[in-house]
mmCIF file of all heavy atoms, coordinates in Angstrom:
data_MODEL
# 
_entry.id   MODEL 
# 
loop_
_atom_site.group_PDB 
_atom_site.id 
_atom_site.type_symbol 
_atom_site.label_atom_id 
_atom_site.label_alt_id 
_atom_site.label_comp_id 
_atom_site.label_asym_id 
_atom_site.label_entity_id 
_atom_site.label_seq_id 
_atom_site.pdbx_PDB_ins_code 
_atom_site.Cartn_x 
_atom_site.Cartn_y 
_atom_site.Cartn_z 
_atom_site.occupancy 
_atom_site.B_iso_or_equiv 
_atom_site.pdbx_formal_charge 
_atom_site.auth_seq_id 
_atom_site.auth_comp_id 
_atom_site.auth_asym_id 
_atom_site.auth_atom_id 
_atom_site.pdbx_PDB_model_num 
ATOM 1   N N   . LYS A 1 1  ? -1.445  4.609   -8.751  1.00 0.00 ? 1  LYS A N   1 
ATOM 2   C CA  . LYS A 1 1  ? -2.837  5.394   -8.896  1.00 0.00 ? 1  LYS A CA  1 
ATOM 3   C C   . LYS A 1 1  ? -3.862  4.451   -9.415  1.00 0.00 ? 1  LYS A C   1 
ATOM 4   O O   . LYS A 1 1  ? -3.671  3.514   -10.153 1.00 0.00 ? 1  LYS A O   1 
ATOM 5   C CB  . LYS A 1 1  ? -2.548  6.538   -9.920  1.00 0.00 ? 1  LYS A CB  1 
ATOM 6   C CG  . LYS A 1 1  ? -1.532  7.562   -9.351  1.00 0.00 ? 1  LYS A CG  1 
ATOM 7   C CD  . LYS A 1 1  ? -1.419  8.707   -10.373 1.00 0.00 ? 1  LYS A CD  1 
ATOM 8   C CE  . LYS A 1 1  ? -0.319  9.708   -9.892  1.00 0.00 ? 1  LYS A CE  1 
ATOM 9   N NZ  . LYS A 1 1  ? -0.760  10.826  -9.065  1.00 0.00 ? 1  LYS A NZ  1 
ATOM 10  N N   . ASP A 1 2  ? -5.060  4.919   -9.132  1.00 0.00 ? 2  ASP A N   1 
ATOM 11  C CA  . ASP A 1 2  ? -6.259  4.269   -9.740  1.00 0.00 ? 2  ASP A CA  1 
ATOM 12  C C   . ASP A 1 2  ? -6.223  2.737   -9.578  1.00 0.00 ? 2  ASP A C   1 
ATOM 13  O O   . ASP A 1 2  ? -6.507  2.024   -10.518 1.00 0.00 ? 2  ASP A O   1 
ATOM 14  C CB  . ASP A 1 2  ? -6.491  4.657   -11.145 1.00 0.00 ? 2  ASP A CB  1 
ATOM 15  C CG  . ASP A 1 2  ? -6.685  6.199   -11.301 1.00 0.00 ? 2  ASP A CG  1 
ATOM 16  O OD1 . ASP A 1 2  ? -7.262  6.789   -10.419 1.00 0.00 ? 2  ASP A OD1 1 
ATOM 17  O OD2 . ASP A 1 2  ? -6.301  6.713   -12.313 1.00 0.00 ? 2  ASP A OD2 1 
ATOM 18  N N   . PHE A 1 3  ? -5.822  2.254   -8.404  1.00 0.00 ? 3  PHE A N   1 
ATOM 19  C CA  . PHE A 1 3  ? -5.696  0.842   -8.183  1.00 0.00 ? 3  PHE A CA  1 
ATOM 20  C C   . PHE A 1 3  ? -6.948  0.092   -7.781  1.00 0.00 ? 3  PHE A C   1 
ATOM 21  O O   . PHE A 1 3  ? -7.122  -1.020  -8.144  1.00 0.00 ? 3  PHE A O   1 
ATOM 22  C CB  . PHE A 1 3  ? -4.625  0.682   -7.114  1.00 0.00 ? 3  PHE A CB  1 
ATOM 23  C CG  . PHE A 1 3  ? -4.087  -0.691  -6.984  1.00 0.00 ? 3  PHE A CG  1 
ATOM 24  C CD1 . PHE A 1 3  ? -3.122  -1.199  -7.811  1.00 0.00 ? 3  PHE A CD1 1 
ATOM 25  C CD2 . PHE A 1 3  ? -4.529  -1.491  -5.954  1.00 0.00 ? 3  PHE A CD2 1 
ATOM 26  C CE1 . PHE A 1 3  ? -2.628  -2.503  -7.756  1.00 0.00 ? 3  PHE A CE1 1 
ATOM 27  C CE2 . PHE A 1 3  ? -4.115  -2.869  -5.810  1.00 0.00 ? 3  PHE A CE2 1 
ATOM 28  C CZ  . PHE A 1 3  ? -3.112  -3.324  -6.751  1.00 0.00 ? 3  PHE A CZ  1 
ATOM 29  N N   . THR A 1 4  ? -7.778  0.728   -6.975  1.00 0.00 ? 4  THR A N   1 
ATOM 30  C CA  . THR A 1 4  ? -9.030  0.099   -6.443  1.00 0.00 ? 4  THR A CA  1 
ATOM 31  C C   . THR A 1 4  ? -10.248 1.035   -6.382  1.00 0.00 ? 4  THR A C   1 
ATOM 32  O O   . THR A 1 4  ? -9.953  2.233   -6.141  1.00 0.00 ? 4  THR A O   1 
ATOM 33  C CB  . THR A 1 4  ? -8.706  -0.603  -5.071  1.00 0.00 ? 4  THR A CB  1 
ATOM 34  O OG1 . THR A 1 4  ? -9.840  -1.532  -4.752  1.00 0.00 ? 4  THR A OG1 1 
ATOM 35  C CG2 . THR A 1 4  ? -8.521  0.403   -3.946  1.00 0.00 ? 4  THR A CG2 1 
ATOM 36  N N   . TYR A 1 5  ? -11.338 0.511   -6.580  1.00 0.00 ? 5  TYR A N   1 
ATOM 37  C CA  . TYR A 1 5  ? -12.641 1.283   -6.569  1.00 0.00 ? 5  TYR A CA  1 
ATOM 38  C C   . TYR A 1 5  ? -13.237 1.091   -5.171  1.00 0.00 ? 5  TYR A C   1 
ATOM 39  O O   . TYR A 1 5  ? -13.425 0.043   -4.699  1.00 0.00 ? 5  TYR A O   1 
ATOM 40  C CB  . TYR A 1 5  ? -13.541 0.780   -7.714  1.00 0.00 ? 5  TYR A CB  1 
ATOM 41  C CG  . TYR A 1 5  ? -14.826 1.482   -7.694  1.00 0.00 ? 5  TYR A CG  1 
ATOM 42  C CD1 . TYR A 1 5  ? -15.018 2.687   -8.478  1.00 0.00 ? 5  TYR A CD1 1 
ATOM 43  C CD2 . TYR A 1 5  ? -15.910 0.920   -6.996  1.00 0.00 ? 5  TYR A CD2 1 
ATOM 44  C CE1 . TYR A 1 5  ? -16.265 3.309   -8.457  1.00 0.00 ? 5  TYR A CE1 1 
ATOM 45  C CE2 . TYR A 1 5  ? -17.080 1.649   -7.024  1.00 0.00 ? 5  TYR A CE2 1 
ATOM 46  C CZ  . TYR A 1 5  ? -17.245 2.776   -7.754  1.00 0.00 ? 5  TYR A CZ  1 
ATOM 47  O OH  . TYR A 1 5  ? -18.492 3.425   -7.724  1.00 0.00 ? 5  TYR A OH  1 
ATOM 48  N N   . TRP A 1 6  ? -13.776 2.225   -4.671  1.00 0.00 ? 6  TRP A N   1 
ATOM 49  C CA  . TRP A 1 6  ? -14.542 2.238   -3.344  1.00 0.00 ? 6  TRP A CA  1 
ATOM 50  C C   . TRP A 1 6  ? -15.118 3.553   -3.232  1.00 0.00 ? 6  TRP A C   1 
ATOM 51  O O   . TRP A 1 6  ? -14.563 4.627   -3.544  1.00 0.00 ? 6  TRP A O   1 
ATOM 52  C CB  . TRP A 1 6  ? -13.601 1.880   -2.216  1.00 0.00 ? 6  TRP A CB  1 
ATOM 53  C CG  . TRP A 1 6  ? -14.306 1.673   -0.950  1.00 0.00 ? 6  TRP A CG  1 
ATOM 54  C CD1 . TRP A 1 6  ? -15.283 0.735   -0.709  1.00 0.00 ? 6  TRP A CD1 1 
ATOM 55  C CD2 . TRP A 1 6  ? -14.002 2.405   0.307   1.00 0.00 ? 6  TRP A CD2 1 
ATOM 56  N NE1 . TRP A 1 6  ? -15.596 0.835   0.612   1.00 0.00 ? 6  TRP A NE1 1 
ATOM 57  C CE2 . TRP A 1 6  ? -14.908 1.861   1.260   1.00 0.00 ? 6  TRP A CE2 1 
ATOM 58  C CE3 . TRP A 1 6  ? -13.202 3.342   0.634   1.00 0.00 ? 6  TRP A CE3 1 
ATOM 59  C CZ2 . TRP A 1 6  ? -14.963 2.328   2.601   1.00 0.00 ? 6  TRP A CZ2 1 
ATOM 60  C CZ3 . TRP A 1 6  ? -13.318 3.874   1.956   1.00 0.00 ? 6  TRP A CZ3 1 
ATOM 61  C CH2 . TRP A 1 6  ? -14.115 3.309   2.909   1.00 0.00 ? 6  TRP A CH2 1 
ATOM 62  N N   . ARG A 1 7  ? -16.381 3.620   -2.728  1.00 0.00 ? 7  ARG A N   1 
ATOM 63  C CA  . ARG A 1 7  ? -17.144 4.835   -2.462  1.00 0.00 ? 7  ARG A CA  1 
ATOM 64  C C   . ARG A 1 7  ? -17.114 5.758   -3.742  1.00 0.00 ? 7  ARG A C   1 
ATOM 65  O O   . ARG A 1 7  ? -16.771 6.992   -3.599  1.00 0.00 ? 7  ARG A O   1 
ATOM 66  C CB  . ARG A 1 7  ? -16.577 5.483   -1.280  1.00 0.00 ? 7  ARG A CB  1 
ATOM 67  C CG  . ARG A 1 7  ? -16.882 4.750   0.018   1.00 0.00 ? 7  ARG A CG  1 
ATOM 68  C CD  . ARG A 1 7  ? -16.724 5.557   1.197   1.00 0.00 ? 7  ARG A CD  1 
ATOM 69  N NE  . ARG A 1 7  ? -17.135 4.826   2.387   1.00 0.00 ? 7  ARG A NE  1 
ATOM 70  C CZ  . ARG A 1 7  ? -16.979 5.138   3.662   1.00 0.00 ? 7  ARG A CZ  1 
ATOM 71  N NH1 . ARG A 1 7  ? -16.210 6.185   3.875   1.00 0.00 ? 7  ARG A NH1 1 
ATOM 72  N NH2 . ARG A 1 7  ? -17.468 4.447   4.632   1.00 0.00 ? 7  ARG A NH2 1 
ATOM 73  N N   . ASP A 1 8  ? -17.390 5.182   -4.846  1.00 0.00 ? 8  ASP A N   1 
ATOM 74  C CA  . ASP A 1 8  ? -17.613 5.963   -6.065  1.00 0.00 ? 8  ASP A CA  1 
ATOM 75  C C   . ASP A 1 8  ? -16.433 6.679   -6.626  1.00 0.00 ? 8  ASP A C   1 
ATOM 76  O O   . ASP A 1 8  ? -16.494 7.607   -7.348  1.00 0.00 ? 8  ASP A O   1 
ATOM 77  C CB  . ASP A 1 8  ? -18.734 6.995   -5.900  1.00 0.00 ? 8  ASP A CB  1 
ATOM 78  C CG  . ASP A 1 8  ? -20.088 6.371   -5.547  1.00 0.00 ? 8  ASP A CG  1 
ATOM 79  O OD1 . ASP A 1 8  ? -20.324 5.299   -6.160  1.00 0.00 ? 8  ASP A OD1 1 
ATOM 80  O OD2 . ASP A 1 8  ? -20.781 6.860   -4.792  1.00 0.00 ? 8  ASP A OD2 1 
ATOM 81  N N   . ARG A 1 9  ? -15.207 6.061   -6.335  1.00 0.00 ? 9  ARG A N   1 
ATOM 82  C CA  . ARG A 1 9  ? -13.978 6.636   -6.913  1.00 0.00 ? 9  ARG A CA  1 
ATOM 83  C C   . ARG A 1 9  ? -12.855 5.686   -6.885  1.00 0.00 ? 9  ARG A C   1 
ATOM 84  O O   . ARG A 1 9  ? -12.953 4.604   -6.247  1.00 0.00 ? 9  ARG A O   1 
ATOM 85  C CB  . ARG A 1 9  ? -13.538 8.000   -6.252  1.00 0.00 ? 9  ARG A CB  1 
ATOM 86  C CG  . ARG A 1 9  ? -13.205 7.855   -4.804  1.00 0.00 ? 9  ARG A CG  1 
ATOM 87  C CD  . ARG A 1 9  ? -12.623 9.171   -4.280  1.00 0.00 ? 9  ARG A CD  1 
ATOM 88  N NE  . ARG A 1 9  ? -11.195 9.127   -4.514  1.00 0.00 ? 9  ARG A NE  1 
ATOM 89  C CZ  . ARG A 1 9  ? -10.283 9.672   -3.631  1.00 0.00 ? 9  ARG A CZ  1 
ATOM 90  N NH1 . ARG A 1 9  ? -10.715 10.211  -2.520  1.00 0.00 ? 9  ARG A NH1 1 
ATOM 91  N NH2 . ARG A 1 9  ? -9.065  9.616   -3.804  1.00 0.00 ? 9  ARG A NH2 1 
ATOM 92  N N   . MET A 1 10 ? -11.770 5.994   -7.585  1.00 0.00 ? 10 MET A N   1 
ATOM 93  C CA  . MET A 1 10 ? -10.644 5.092   -7.597  1.00 0.00 ? 10 MET A CA  1 
ATOM 94  C C   . MET A 1 10 ? -9.605  5.674   -6.510  1.00 0.00 ? 10 MET A C   1 
ATOM 95  O O   . MET A 1 10 ? -9.556  6.865   -6.399  1.00 0.00 ? 10 MET A O   1 
ATOM 96  C CB  . MET A 1 10 ? -9.942  5.109   -8.961  1.00 0.00 ? 10 MET A CB  1 
ATOM 97  C CG  . MET A 1 10 ? -10.851 4.503   -10.036 1.00 0.00 ? 10 MET A CG  1 
ATOM 98  S SD  . MET A 1 10 ? -11.351 2.792   -9.771  1.00 0.00 ? 10 MET A SD  1 
ATOM 99  C CE  . MET A 1 10 ? -9.741  1.877   -9.965  1.00 0.00 ? 10 MET A CE  1 
ATOM 100 N N   . TRP A 1 11 ? -8.956  4.773   -5.896  1.00 0.00 ? 11 TRP A N   1 
ATOM 101 C CA  . TRP A 1 11 ? -7.974  5.025   -4.936  1.00 0.00 ? 11 TRP A CA  1 
ATOM 102 C C   . TRP A 1 11 ? -6.585  4.374   -5.251  1.00 0.00 ? 11 TRP A C   1 
ATOM 103 O O   . TRP A 1 11 ? -6.458  3.580   -5.983  1.00 0.00 ? 11 TRP A O   1 
ATOM 104 C CB  . TRP A 1 11 ? -8.400  4.471   -3.572  1.00 0.00 ? 11 TRP A CB  1 
ATOM 105 C CG  . TRP A 1 11 ? -9.722  4.995   -3.070  1.00 0.00 ? 11 TRP A CG  1 
ATOM 106 C CD1 . TRP A 1 11 ? -10.912 4.663   -3.483  1.00 0.00 ? 11 TRP A CD1 1 
ATOM 107 C CD2 . TRP A 1 11 ? -9.922  6.058   -2.137  1.00 0.00 ? 11 TRP A CD2 1 
ATOM 108 N NE1 . TRP A 1 11 ? -11.936 5.352   -2.835  1.00 0.00 ? 11 TRP A NE1 1 
ATOM 109 C CE2 . TRP A 1 11 ? -11.341 6.240   -1.916  1.00 0.00 ? 11 TRP A CE2 1 
ATOM 110 C CE3 . TRP A 1 11 ? -9.122  6.846   -1.308  1.00 0.00 ? 11 TRP A CE3 1 
ATOM 111 C CZ2 . TRP A 1 11 ? -11.881 7.145   -1.116  1.00 0.00 ? 11 TRP A CZ2 1 
ATOM 112 C CZ3 . TRP A 1 11 ? -9.599  7.744   -0.474  1.00 0.00 ? 11 TRP A CZ3 1 
ATOM 113 C CH2 . TRP A 1 11 ? -11.051 7.890   -0.282  1.00 0.00 ? 11 TRP A CH2 1 
ATOM 114 N N   . GLN A 1 12 ? -5.574  5.108   -4.569  1.00 0.00 ? 12 GLN A N   1 
ATOM 115 C CA  . GLN A 1 12 ? -4.213  4.595   -4.742  1.00 0.00 ? 12 GLN A CA  1 
ATOM 116 C C   . GLN A 1 12 ? -3.914  3.357   -3.828  1.00 0.00 ? 12 GLN A C   1 
ATOM 117 O O   . GLN A 1 12 ? -4.476  3.234   -2.767  1.00 0.00 ? 12 GLN A O   1 
ATOM 118 C CB  . GLN A 1 12 ? -3.153  5.711   -4.457  1.00 0.00 ? 12 GLN A CB  1 
ATOM 119 C CG  . GLN A 1 12 ? -3.299  6.808   -5.338  1.00 0.00 ? 12 GLN A CG  1 
ATOM 120 C CD  . GLN A 1 12 ? -2.288  8.040   -4.884  1.00 0.00 ? 12 GLN A CD  1 
ATOM 121 O OE1 . GLN A 1 12 ? -1.107  7.877   -5.233  1.00 0.00 ? 12 GLN A OE1 1 
ATOM 122 N NE2 . GLN A 1 12 ? -2.713  8.931   -4.098  1.00 0.00 ? 12 GLN A NE2 1 
ATOM 123 N N   . ASP A 1 13 ? -2.917  2.524   -4.326  1.00 0.00 ? 13 ASP A N   1 
ATOM 124 C CA  . ASP A 1 13 ? -2.375  1.574   -3.497  1.00 0.00 ? 13 ASP A CA  1 
ATOM 125 C C   . ASP A 1 13 ? -1.054  2.143   -3.041  1.00 0.00 ? 13 ASP A C   1 
ATOM 126 O O   . ASP A 1 13 ? -0.123  2.432   -3.856  1.00 0.00 ? 13 ASP A O   1 
ATOM 127 C CB  . ASP A 1 13 ? -2.164  0.272   -4.250  1.00 0.00 ? 13 ASP A CB  1 
ATOM 128 C CG  . ASP A 1 13 ? -1.829  -0.925  -3.371  1.00 0.00 ? 13 ASP A CG  1 
ATOM 129 O OD1 . ASP A 1 13 ? -2.381  -1.012  -2.203  1.00 0.00 ? 13 ASP A OD1 1 
ATOM 130 O OD2 . ASP A 1 13 ? -0.978  -1.825  -3.789  1.00 0.00 ? 13 ASP A OD2 1 
ATOM 131 N N   . ILE A 1 14 ? -0.826  2.160   -1.746  1.00 0.00 ? 14 ILE A N   1 
ATOM 132 C CA  . ILE A 1 14 ? 0.455   2.645   -1.112  1.00 0.00 ? 14 ILE A CA  1 
ATOM 133 C C   . ILE A 1 14 ? 1.343   1.405   -0.923  1.00 0.00 ? 14 ILE A C   1 
ATOM 134 O O   . ILE A 1 14 ? 0.958   0.492   -0.122  1.00 0.00 ? 14 ILE A O   1 
ATOM 135 C CB  . ILE A 1 14 ? 0.192   3.403   0.178   1.00 0.00 ? 14 ILE A CB  1 
ATOM 136 C CG1 . ILE A 1 14 ? -0.612  4.622   -0.132  1.00 0.00 ? 14 ILE A CG1 1 
ATOM 137 C CG2 . ILE A 1 14 ? 1.569   3.821   0.767   1.00 0.00 ? 14 ILE A CG2 1 
ATOM 138 C CD1 . ILE A 1 14 ? -1.148  5.360   1.085   1.00 0.00 ? 14 ILE A CD1 1 
ATOM 139 N N   . ARG A 1 15 ? 2.444   1.352   -1.451  1.00 0.00 ? 15 ARG A N   1 
ATOM 140 C CA  . ARG A 1 15 ? 3.373   0.278   -1.260  1.00 0.00 ? 15 ARG A CA  1 
ATOM 141 C C   . ARG A 1 15 ? 4.432   0.717   -0.204  1.00 0.00 ? 15 ARG A C   1 
ATOM 142 O O   . ARG A 1 15 ? 4.901   1.886   -0.202  1.00 0.00 ? 15 ARG A O   1 
ATOM 143 C CB  . ARG A 1 15 ? 4.144   -0.027  -2.562  1.00 0.00 ? 15 ARG A CB  1 
ATOM 144 C CG  . ARG A 1 15 ? 3.181   -0.587  -3.631  1.00 0.00 ? 15 ARG A CG  1 
ATOM 145 C CD  . ARG A 1 15 ? 2.529   -1.939  -3.227  1.00 0.00 ? 15 ARG A CD  1 
ATOM 146 N NE  . ARG A 1 15 ? 1.528   -2.325  -4.164  1.00 0.00 ? 15 ARG A NE  1 
ATOM 147 C CZ  . ARG A 1 15 ? 1.762   -3.198  -5.076  1.00 0.00 ? 15 ARG A CZ  1 
ATOM 148 N NH1 . ARG A 1 15 ? 2.948   -3.716  -5.264  1.00 0.00 ? 15 ARG A NH1 1 
ATOM 149 N NH2 . ARG A 1 15 ? 0.781   -3.569  -5.885  1.00 0.00 ? 15 ARG A NH2 1 
ATOM 150 N N   . MET A 1 16 ? 4.667   -0.191  0.753   1.00 0.00 ? 16 MET A N   1 
ATOM 151 C CA  . MET A 1 16 ? 5.517   0.043   1.914   1.00 0.00 ? 16 MET A CA  1 
ATOM 152 C C   . MET A 1 16 ? 6.564   -1.105  2.009   1.00 0.00 ? 16 MET A C   1 
ATOM 153 O O   . MET A 1 16 ? 6.311   -2.214  1.481   1.00 0.00 ? 16 MET A O   1 
ATOM 154 C CB  . MET A 1 16 ? 4.681   0.234   3.162   1.00 0.00 ? 16 MET A CB  1 
ATOM 155 C CG  . MET A 1 16 ? 3.651   1.259   3.142   1.00 0.00 ? 16 MET A CG  1 
ATOM 156 S SD  . MET A 1 16 ? 2.686   1.365   4.618   1.00 0.00 ? 16 MET A SD  1 
ATOM 157 C CE  . MET A 1 16 ? 3.711   2.402   5.487   1.00 0.00 ? 16 MET A CE  1 
ATOM 158 N N   . GLU A 1 17 ? 7.717   -0.834  2.674   1.00 0.00 ? 17 GLU A N   1 
ATOM 159 C CA  . GLU A 1 17 ? 8.684   -1.819  2.910   1.00 0.00 ? 17 GLU A CA  1 
ATOM 160 C C   . GLU A 1 17 ? 9.284   -1.744  4.270   1.00 0.00 ? 17 GLU A C   1 
ATOM 161 O O   . GLU A 1 17 ? 9.164   -0.634  4.904   1.00 0.00 ? 17 GLU A O   1 
ATOM 162 C CB  . GLU A 1 17 ? 9.796   -1.722  1.848   1.00 0.00 ? 17 GLU A CB  1 
ATOM 163 C CG  . GLU A 1 17 ? 10.734  -0.524  2.104   1.00 0.00 ? 17 GLU A CG  1 
ATOM 164 C CD  . GLU A 1 17 ? 11.855  -0.384  1.085   1.00 0.00 ? 17 GLU A CD  1 
ATOM 165 O OE1 . GLU A 1 17 ? 12.132  -1.371  0.269   1.00 0.00 ? 17 GLU A OE1 1 
ATOM 166 O OE2 . GLU A 1 17 ? 12.571  0.531   1.182   1.00 0.00 ? 17 GLU A OE2 1 
ATOM 167 N N   . LYS A 1 18 ? 9.916   -2.762  4.707   1.00 0.00 ? 18 LYS A N   1 
ATOM 168 C CA  . LYS A 1 18 ? 10.617  -2.738  5.930   1.00 0.00 ? 18 LYS A CA  1 
ATOM 169 C C   . LYS A 1 18 ? 11.726  -3.758  5.797   1.00 0.00 ? 18 LYS A C   1 
ATOM 170 O O   . LYS A 1 18 ? 11.534  -4.915  5.291   1.00 0.00 ? 18 LYS A O   1 
ATOM 171 C CB  . LYS A 1 18 ? 9.738   -3.192  7.123   1.00 0.00 ? 18 LYS A CB  1 
ATOM 172 C CG  . LYS A 1 18 ? 10.434  -3.231  8.464   1.00 0.00 ? 18 LYS A CG  1 
ATOM 173 C CD  . LYS A 1 18 ? 9.518   -3.592  9.590   1.00 0.00 ? 18 LYS A CD  1 
ATOM 174 C CE  . LYS A 1 18 ? 10.147  -3.575  10.925  1.00 0.00 ? 18 LYS A CE  1 
ATOM 175 N NZ  . LYS A 1 18 ? 9.151   -3.903  11.992  1.00 0.00 ? 18 LYS A NZ  1 
ATOM 176 N N   . TYR A 1 19 ? 12.975  -3.391  6.196   1.00 0.00 ? 19 TYR A N   1 
ATOM 177 C CA  . TYR A 1 19 ? 14.156  -4.291  6.286   1.00 0.00 ? 19 TYR A CA  1 
ATOM 178 C C   . TYR A 1 19 ? 14.194  -4.798  7.702   1.00 0.00 ? 19 TYR A C   1 
ATOM 179 O O   . TYR A 1 19 ? 14.096  -4.067  8.740   1.00 0.00 ? 19 TYR A O   1 
ATOM 180 C CB  . TYR A 1 19 ? 15.395  -3.555  5.870   1.00 0.00 ? 19 TYR A CB  1 
ATOM 181 C CG  . TYR A 1 19 ? 15.471  -3.355  4.322   1.00 0.00 ? 19 TYR A CG  1 
ATOM 182 C CD1 . TYR A 1 19 ? 14.944  -2.185  3.803   1.00 0.00 ? 19 TYR A CD1 1 
ATOM 183 C CD2 . TYR A 1 19 ? 16.081  -4.349  3.574   1.00 0.00 ? 19 TYR A CD2 1 
ATOM 184 C CE1 . TYR A 1 19 ? 14.971  -2.031  2.399   1.00 0.00 ? 19 TYR A CE1 1 
ATOM 185 C CE2 . TYR A 1 19 ? 16.011  -4.130  2.137   1.00 0.00 ? 19 TYR A CE2 1 
ATOM 186 C CZ  . TYR A 1 19 ? 15.605  -2.964  1.641   1.00 0.00 ? 19 TYR A CZ  1 
ATOM 187 O OH  . TYR A 1 19 ? 15.550  -2.816  0.272   1.00 0.00 ? 19 TYR A OH  1 
ATOM 188 N N   . LEU A 1 20 ? 14.364  -6.145  7.803   1.00 0.00 ? 20 LEU A N   1 
ATOM 189 C CA  . LEU A 1 20 ? 14.414  -6.766  9.138   1.00 0.00 ? 20 LEU A CA  1 
ATOM 190 C C   . LEU A 1 20 ? 15.883  -7.105  9.407   1.00 0.00 ? 20 LEU A C   1 
ATOM 191 O O   . LEU A 1 20 ? 16.753  -7.423  8.474   1.00 0.00 ? 20 LEU A O   1 
ATOM 192 C CB  . LEU A 1 20 ? 13.631  -8.040  9.030   1.00 0.00 ? 20 LEU A CB  1 
ATOM 193 C CG  . LEU A 1 20 ? 12.162  -7.945  8.726   1.00 0.00 ? 20 LEU A CG  1 
ATOM 194 C CD1 . LEU A 1 20 ? 11.538  -9.290  8.465   1.00 0.00 ? 20 LEU A CD1 1 
ATOM 195 C CD2 . LEU A 1 20 ? 11.408  -7.161  9.737   1.00 0.00 ? 20 LEU A CD2 1 
ATOM 196 N N   . SER A 1 21 ? 16.210  -7.223  10.708  1.00 0.00 ? 21 SER A N   1 
ATOM 197 C CA  . SER A 1 21 ? 17.564  -7.677  11.113  1.00 0.00 ? 21 SER A CA  1 
ATOM 198 C C   . SER A 1 21 ? 17.301  -8.855  11.978  1.00 0.00 ? 21 SER A C   1 
ATOM 199 O O   . SER A 1 21 ? 16.180  -9.071  12.507  1.00 0.00 ? 21 SER A O   1 
ATOM 200 C CB  . SER A 1 21 ? 18.297  -6.599  11.860  1.00 0.00 ? 21 SER A CB  1 
ATOM 201 O OG  . SER A 1 21 ? 17.700  -6.199  13.039  1.00 0.00 ? 21 SER A OG  1 
ATOM 202 N N   . ALA A 1 22 ? 18.291  -9.592  12.166  1.00 0.00 ? 22 ALA A N   1 
ATOM 203 C CA  . ALA A 1 22 ? 18.206  -10.823 13.105  1.00 0.00 ? 22 ALA A CA  1 
ATOM 204 C C   . ALA A 1 22 ? 17.724  -10.414 14.432  1.00 0.00 ? 22 ALA A C   1 
ATOM 205 O O   . ALA A 1 22 ? 17.042  -11.102 15.176  1.00 0.00 ? 22 ALA A O   1 
ATOM 206 C CB  . ALA A 1 22 ? 19.469  -11.659 13.194  1.00 0.00 ? 22 ALA A CB  1 
ATOM 207 N N   . SER A 1 23 ? 18.108  -9.184  14.938  1.00 0.00 ? 23 SER A N   1 
ATOM 208 C CA  . SER A 1 23 ? 17.789  -8.725  16.234  1.00 0.00 ? 23 SER A CA  1 
ATOM 209 C C   . SER A 1 23 ? 16.349  -8.384  16.254  1.00 0.00 ? 23 SER A C   1 
ATOM 210 O O   . SER A 1 23 ? 15.663  -8.363  17.362  1.00 0.00 ? 23 SER A O   1 
ATOM 211 C CB  . SER A 1 23 ? 18.602  -7.484  16.640  1.00 0.00 ? 23 SER A CB  1 
ATOM 212 O OG  . SER A 1 23 ? 18.234  -6.419  15.742  1.00 0.00 ? 23 SER A OG  1 
ATOM 213 N N   . SER A 1 24 ? 15.666  -8.150  15.151  1.00 0.00 ? 24 SER A N   1 
ATOM 214 C CA  . SER A 1 24 ? 14.170  -7.971  15.132  1.00 0.00 ? 24 SER A CA  1 
ATOM 215 C C   . SER A 1 24 ? 13.390  -9.101  15.656  1.00 0.00 ? 24 SER A C   1 
ATOM 216 O O   . SER A 1 24 ? 12.420  -8.982  16.330  1.00 0.00 ? 24 SER A O   1 
ATOM 217 C CB  . SER A 1 24 ? 13.670  -7.715  13.745  1.00 0.00 ? 24 SER A CB  1 
ATOM 218 O OG  . SER A 1 24 ? 14.359  -6.582  13.129  1.00 0.00 ? 24 SER A OG  1 
# 
């Protein structure tokens, strides 16, 4: 929460992940 400021308010940073396989 409250990670970055833009357009007169604070915004969240969404953290994402992905697991890779050798076939990827």
